[in-house]
């Protein structure tokens, strides 16, 4: 009898915990407040990487010129 009561209590606690966890996960899935900022950040990073890849030759020459000016003036 005593063992059955403990098992029922454990069952209730387990089921209650599972229910609360499922409600938390469902609420988290429905909450989209931070999704748009994450998507915008990822898109901006992609644009910067693509532009760098496209204009790499021009950027490389520009950086080399600036580096030569810096080294030339500091010596």
C-alpha atoms as a PDB file:
ATOM      1  CA  UNK A   1       0.000   0.000   0.000  1.00  0.00           C
ATOM      2  CA  UNK A   2       2.757   2.404   0.981  1.00  0.00           C
ATOM      3  CA  UNK A   3       4.745   1.565  -2.133  1.00  0.00           C
ATOM      4  CA  UNK A   4       1.718   2.248  -4.354  1.00  0.00           C
ATOM      5  CA  UNK A   5       1.296   5.694  -2.801  1.00  0.00           C
ATOM      6  CA  UNK A   6       4.955   6.523  -3.484  1.00  0.00           C
ATOM      7  CA  UNK A   7       4.646   5.301  -7.048  1.00  0.00           C
ATOM      8  CA  UNK A   8       1.506   7.375  -7.619  1.00  0.00           C
ATOM      9  CA  UNK A   9       3.265  10.425  -6.199  1.00  0.00           C
ATOM     10  CA  UNK A  10       6.267   9.831  -8.444  1.00  0.00           C
ATOM     11  CA  UNK A  11       3.962   9.320 -11.437  1.00  0.00           C
ATOM     12  CA  UNK A  12       2.158  12.599 -10.736  1.00  0.00           C
ATOM     13  CA  UNK A  13       5.448  14.480 -10.344  1.00  0.00           C
ATOM     14  CA  UNK A  14       6.829  12.971 -13.543  1.00  0.00           C
ATOM     15  CA  UNK A  15       3.692  13.692 -15.563  1.00  0.00           C
ATOM     16  CA  UNK A  16       3.505  17.221 -14.145  1.00  0.00           C
ATOM     17  CA  UNK A  17       7.138  17.852 -15.060  1.00  0.00           C
ATOM     18  CA  UNK A  18       6.651  16.512 -18.570  1.00  0.00           C
ATOM     19  CA  UNK A  19       3.536  18.656 -19.010  1.00  0.00           C
ATOM     20  CA  UNK A  20       5.318  21.807 -17.826  1.00  0.00           C
ATOM     21  CA  UNK A  21       8.273  21.078 -20.100  1.00  0.00           C
ATOM     22  CA  UNK A  22       5.973  20.551 -23.095  1.00  0.00           C
ATOM     23  CA  UNK A  23       4.160  23.834 -22.352  1.00  0.00           C
ATOM     24  CA  UNK A  24       7.496  25.652 -22.059  1.00  0.00           C
ATOM     25  CA  UNK A  25       8.718  24.265 -25.393  1.00  0.00           C
ATOM     26  CA  UNK A  26       5.436  25.122 -27.138  1.00  0.00           C
ATOM     27  CA  UNK A  27       5.612  28.669 -25.788  1.00  0.00           C
ATOM     28  CA  UNK A  28       9.216  28.956 -26.931  1.00  0.00           C
ATOM     29  CA  UNK A  29       8.264  27.787 -30.426  1.00  0.00           C
ATOM     30  CA  UNK A  30       5.492  30.385 -30.658  1.00  0.00           C
ATOM     31  CA  UNK A  31       7.693  33.248 -29.434  1.00  0.00           C
ATOM     32  CA  UNK A  32       9.323  34.805 -32.489  1.00  0.00           C
ATOM     33  CA  UNK A  33      10.439  38.101 -30.947  1.00  0.00           C
ATOM     34  CA  UNK A  34      14.166  37.543 -31.506  1.00  0.00           C
ATOM     35  CA  UNK A  35      14.006  35.715 -34.816  1.00  0.00           C
ATOM     36  CA  UNK A  36      13.853  38.785 -37.048  1.00  0.00           C
ATOM     37  CA  UNK A  37      16.963  40.361 -35.530  1.00  0.00           C
ATOM     38  CA  UNK A  38      18.910  37.113 -35.905  1.00  0.00           C
ATOM     39  CA  UNK A  39      17.836  36.758 -39.536  1.00  0.00           C
ATOM     40  CA  UNK A  40      18.778  40.379 -40.261  1.00  0.00           C
ATOM     41  CA  UNK A  41      22.219  39.906 -38.681  1.00  0.00           C
ATOM     42  CA  UNK A  42      22.897  36.740 -40.670  1.00  0.00           C
ATOM     43  CA  UNK A  43      21.821  38.447 -43.900  1.00  0.00           C
ATOM     44  CA  UNK A  44      24.094  41.435 -43.229  1.00  0.00           C
ATOM     45  CA  UNK A  45      27.060  39.147 -42.565  1.00  0.00           C
ATOM     46  CA  UNK A  46      26.328  37.245 -45.788  1.00  0.00           C
ATOM     47  CA  UNK A  47      26.164  40.480 -47.780  1.00  0.00           C
ATOM     48  CA  UNK A  48      29.491  41.690 -46.359  1.00  0.00           C
ATOM     49  CA  UNK A  49      31.187  38.360 -47.100  1.00  0.00           C
ATOM     50  CA  UNK A  50      29.810  38.277 -50.653  1.00  0.00           C
ATOM     51  CA  UNK A  51      30.843  41.871 -51.370  1.00  0.00           C
ATOM     52  CA  UNK A  52      34.323  41.172 -50.008  1.00  0.00           C
ATOM     53  CA  UNK A  53      34.622  38.109 -52.237  1.00  0.00           C
ATOM     54  CA  UNK A  54      33.426  40.031 -55.296  1.00  0.00           C
ATOM     55  CA  UNK A  55      35.704  43.046 -54.823  1.00  0.00           C
ATOM     56  CA  UNK A  56      38.676  41.205 -53.283  1.00  0.00           C
ATOM     57  CA  UNK A  57      41.172  42.238 -55.994  1.00  0.00           C
ATOM     58  CA  UNK A  58      40.365  45.930 -55.596  1.00  0.00           C
ATOM     59  CA  UNK A  59      40.396  45.699 -51.812  1.00  0.00           C
ATOM     60  CA  UNK A  60      43.710  43.872 -51.813  1.00  0.00           C
ATOM     61  CA  UNK A  61      45.351  46.584 -53.947  1.00  0.00           C
ATOM     62  CA  UNK A  62      43.873  49.295 -51.736  1.00  0.00           C
ATOM     63  CA  UNK A  63      45.160  47.634 -48.542  1.00  0.00           C
ATOM     64  CA  UNK A  64      48.610  47.134 -50.092  1.00  0.00           C
ATOM     65  CA  UNK A  65      48.800  50.825 -51.059  1.00  0.00           C
ATOM     66  CA  UNK A  66      47.789  51.926 -47.582  1.00  0.00           C
ATOM     67  CA  UNK A  67      50.252  49.504 -45.973  1.00  0.00           C
ATOM     68  CA  UNK A  68      53.089  50.780 -48.180  1.00  0.00           C
ATOM     69  CA  UNK A  69      52.228  54.371 -47.215  1.00  0.00           C
ATOM     70  CA  UNK A  70      52.226  53.479 -43.524  1.00  0.00           C
ATOM     71  CA  UNK A  71      55.565  51.675 -43.726  1.00  0.00           C
ATOM     72  CA  UNK A  72      57.073  54.332 -45.981  1.00  0.00           C
ATOM     73  CA  UNK A  73      56.163  57.195 -43.647  1.00  0.00           C
ATOM     74  CA  UNK A  74      57.181  55.452 -40.436  1.00  0.00           C
ATOM     75  CA  UNK A  75      60.710  54.529 -41.608  1.00  0.00           C
END
